[in-house]
C-alpha atoms as a PDB file:
ATOM      1  CA  MET A   1       0.000   0.000   0.000  1.00  0.00           C
ATOM      2  CA  SER A   2       1.261   3.472  -0.739  1.00  0.00           C
ATOM      3  CA  GLU A   3       0.461   6.730   1.013  1.00  0.00           C
ATOM      4  CA  GLU A   4      -1.778   9.188  -0.703  1.00  0.00           C
ATOM      5  CA  THR A   5      -0.188  12.440  -1.796  1.00  0.00           C
ATOM      6  CA  ASP A   6      -1.993  14.590   0.803  1.00  0.00           C
ATOM      7  CA  GLY A   7      -0.289  12.744   3.699  1.00  0.00           C
ATOM      8  CA  THR A   8      -3.293  10.725   4.835  1.00  0.00           C
ATOM      9  CA  PRO A   9      -2.778   7.011   5.356  1.00  0.00           C
ATOM     10  CA  PRO A  10      -3.896   4.675   2.599  1.00  0.00           C
ATOM     11  CA  SER A  11      -7.501   3.576   2.617  1.00  0.00           C
ATOM     12  CA  ILE A  12      -7.929   0.803   5.162  1.00  0.00           C
ATOM     13  CA  GLU A  13     -11.297  -0.778   5.686  1.00  0.00           C
ATOM     14  CA  CYS A  14     -11.975  -2.861   8.769  1.00  0.00           C
ATOM     15  CA  PRO A  15     -15.488  -4.326   8.916  1.00  0.00           C
ATOM     16  CA  VAL A  16     -16.504  -4.876  12.545  1.00  0.00           C
ATOM     17  CA  ILE A  17     -19.494  -5.849  14.616  1.00  0.00           C
ATOM     18  CA  VAL A  18     -20.135  -3.961  17.863  1.00  0.00           C
ATOM     19  CA  PHE A  19     -21.692  -5.447  20.997  1.00  0.00           C
ATOM     20  CA  ARG A  20     -22.726  -3.812  24.273  1.00  0.00           C
ATOM     21  CA  SER A  21     -21.916  -5.589  27.519  1.00  0.00           C
ATOM     22  CA  GLY A  22     -24.766  -7.136  29.440  1.00  0.00           C
ATOM     23  CA  ARG A  23     -22.728  -6.841  32.622  1.00  0.00           C
ATOM     24  CA  LYS A  24     -20.817  -3.536  32.528  1.00  0.00           C
ATOM     25  CA  ALA A  25     -22.460  -0.220  31.643  1.00  0.00           C
ATOM     26  CA  GLU A  26     -20.958   1.752  28.754  1.00  0.00           C
ATOM     27  CA  THR A  27     -18.689  -1.146  27.784  1.00  0.00           C
ATOM     28  CA  TYR A  28     -18.517  -2.112  24.112  1.00  0.00           C
ATOM     29  CA  LEU A  29     -16.736  -4.819  22.179  1.00  0.00           C
ATOM     30  CA  TYR A  30     -15.530  -4.385  18.576  1.00  0.00           C
ATOM     31  CA  MET A  31     -14.830  -7.635  16.723  1.00  0.00           C
ATOM     32  CA  PRO A  32     -14.115  -8.542  13.109  1.00  0.00           C
ATOM     33  CA  ALA A  33     -17.440  -8.841  11.293  1.00  0.00           C
ATOM     34  CA  THR A  34     -16.728 -12.505  10.536  1.00  0.00           C
ATOM     35  CA  ALA A  35     -15.724 -13.476  14.104  1.00  0.00           C
ATOM     36  CA  GLU A  36     -17.862 -15.294  16.657  1.00  0.00           C
ATOM     37  CA  PHE A  37     -18.262 -14.196  20.290  1.00  0.00           C
ATOM     38  CA  GLU A  38     -17.372 -17.757  21.354  1.00  0.00           C
ATOM     39  CA  ASP A  39     -13.936 -17.330  19.715  1.00  0.00           C
ATOM     40  CA  LEU A  40     -12.941 -14.761  22.369  1.00  0.00           C
ATOM     41  CA  PRO A  41     -10.983 -15.767  25.479  1.00  0.00           C
ATOM     42  CA  ALA A  42     -13.263 -17.341  28.120  1.00  0.00           C
ATOM     43  CA  SER A  43     -12.207 -14.812  30.770  1.00  0.00           C
ATOM     44  CA  LEU A  44     -13.241 -11.897  28.522  1.00  0.00           C
ATOM     45  CA  ARG A  45     -16.588 -13.530  27.739  1.00  0.00           C
ATOM     46  CA  ARG A  46     -17.281 -14.037  31.461  1.00  0.00           C
ATOM     47  CA  GLN A  47     -16.422 -10.424  32.346  1.00  0.00           C
ATOM     48  CA  PHE A  48     -18.308  -8.999  29.387  1.00  0.00           C
ATOM     49  CA  GLY A  49     -21.487 -10.945  30.059  1.00  0.00           C
ATOM     50  CA  THR A  50     -24.247 -11.499  27.534  1.00  0.00           C
ATOM     51  CA  PRO A  51     -23.471  -9.492  24.374  1.00  0.00           C
ATOM     52  CA  THR A  52     -26.175  -7.259  22.950  1.00  0.00           C
ATOM     53  CA  TYR A  53     -25.813  -6.493  19.248  1.00  0.00           C
ATOM     54  CA  VAL A  54     -25.392  -2.755  18.579  1.00  0.00           C
ATOM     55  CA  MET A  55     -24.344  -2.369  14.935  1.00  0.00           C
ATOM     56  CA  ASP A  56     -22.095  -3.316  12.045  1.00  0.00           C
ATOM     57  CA  LEU A  57     -19.503  -0.722  11.003  1.00  0.00           C
ATOM     58  CA  ILE A  58     -16.788  -0.368   8.408  1.00  0.00           C
ATOM     59  CA  LEU A  59     -13.946   1.387  10.169  1.00  0.00           C
ATOM     60  CA  THR A  60     -11.532   3.556   8.198  1.00  0.00           C
ATOM     61  CA  PRO A  61      -8.846   5.976   9.409  1.00  0.00           C
ATOM     62  CA  GLN A  62     -11.128   8.855   8.403  1.00  0.00           C
ATOM     63  CA  ARG A  63     -14.100   7.639  10.487  1.00  0.00           C
ATOM     64  CA  LYS A  64     -14.662   9.344  13.827  1.00  0.00           C
ATOM     65  CA  LEU A  65     -15.747   7.377  16.878  1.00  0.00           C
ATOM     66  CA  ALA A  66     -17.270   9.092  19.900  1.00  0.00           C
ATOM     67  CA  GLN A  67     -15.105   7.677  22.689  1.00  0.00           C
ATOM     68  CA  VAL A  68     -11.999   6.073  21.188  1.00  0.00           C
ATOM     69  CA  ASP A  69      -9.385   6.573  18.483  1.00  0.00           C
ATOM     70  CA  VAL A  70     -10.436   4.634  15.395  1.00  0.00           C
ATOM     71  CA  LEU A  71      -6.811   3.726  14.600  1.00  0.00           C
ATOM     72  CA  GLN A  72      -6.450   2.023  17.996  1.00  0.00           C
ATOM     73  CA  VAL A  73      -9.606   0.030  17.339  1.00  0.00           C
ATOM     74  CA  ILE A  74      -8.457  -1.027  13.852  1.00  0.00           C
ATOM     75  CA  GLN A  75      -5.024  -2.032  15.159  1.00  0.00           C
ATOM     76  CA  ALA A  76      -6.439  -4.061  18.069  1.00  0.00           C
ATOM     77  CA  VAL A  77      -9.035  -5.804  15.903  1.00  0.00           C
ATOM     78  CA  ASN A  78      -6.348  -6.764  13.370  1.00  0.00           C
ATOM     79  CA  GLU A  79      -3.659  -7.784  15.885  1.00  0.00           C
ATOM     80  CA  VAL A  80      -5.597  -9.128  18.893  1.00  0.00           C
ATOM     81  CA  GLY A  81      -8.927  -9.992  17.324  1.00  0.00           C
ATOM     82  CA  PHE A  82     -11.046  -7.554  19.340  1.00  0.00           C
ATOM     83  CA  PHE A  83     -11.124  -4.127  20.982  1.00  0.00           C
ATOM     84  CA  LEU A  84     -12.780  -3.599  24.362  1.00  0.00           C
ATOM     85  CA  GLN A  85     -14.072  -0.061  24.902  1.00  0.00           C
ATOM     86  CA  LEU A  86     -14.409   0.691  28.604  1.00  0.00           C
ATOM     87  CA  PRO A  87     -16.485   3.534  30.040  1.00  0.00           C
ATOM     88  CA  PRO A  88     -14.758   6.912  30.245  1.00  0.00           C
ATOM     89  CA  PRO A  89     -13.192   7.574  33.653  1.00  0.00           C
ATOM     90  CA  THR A  90     -15.255   9.600  36.043  1.00  0.00           C
ATOM     91  CA  VAL A  91     -13.423  12.626  37.372  1.00  0.00           C
ATOM     92  CA  LYS A  92     -14.342  13.765  40.824  1.00  0.00           C
ATOM     93  CA  THR A  93     -13.756  17.454  41.292  1.00  0.00           C
ATOM     94  CA  ALA A  94     -12.522  18.749  44.594  1.00  0.00           C
ATOM     95  CA  PRO A  95     -15.003  20.876  46.501  1.00  0.00           C
ATOM     96  CA  LYS A  96     -14.470  24.591  46.142  1.00  0.00           C
ATOM     97  CA  LEU A  97     -12.831  25.886  49.280  1.00  0.00           C
ATOM     98  CA  PRO A  98     -13.678  29.276  50.729  1.00  0.00           C
ATOM     99  CA  GLU A  99     -11.118  31.958  49.933  1.00  0.00           C
ATOM    100  CA  GLN A 100      -9.968  32.128  53.572  1.00  0.00           C
ATOM    101  CA  PHE A 101      -8.672  28.545  53.394  1.00  0.00           C
ATOM    102  CA  LEU A 102      -6.662  29.142  50.228  1.00  0.00           C
ATOM    103  CA  ARG A 103      -4.258  31.658  51.775  1.00  0.00           C
END
């Protein structure tokens, strides 16, 4: 594959199927479109719980995903056979202290 002249990577298409975890909120699994859930490691299947079908996608470097970098997903799907998207971390903010305590 050769790079296009504008500096963007060559066109890569990665057909995937996306499942939502039946056990962990906001947890999604991207797998090759031709793969079977039973092909995943048993420990991952146990932690993930019952998969709920979400959608089929064709990932490309130009596609934007809401929570994760599409290139990371493509790489993991191609190298490991799946990508597990965990919920975004929750950030607890410190309570605002009165001015007198900040001096």
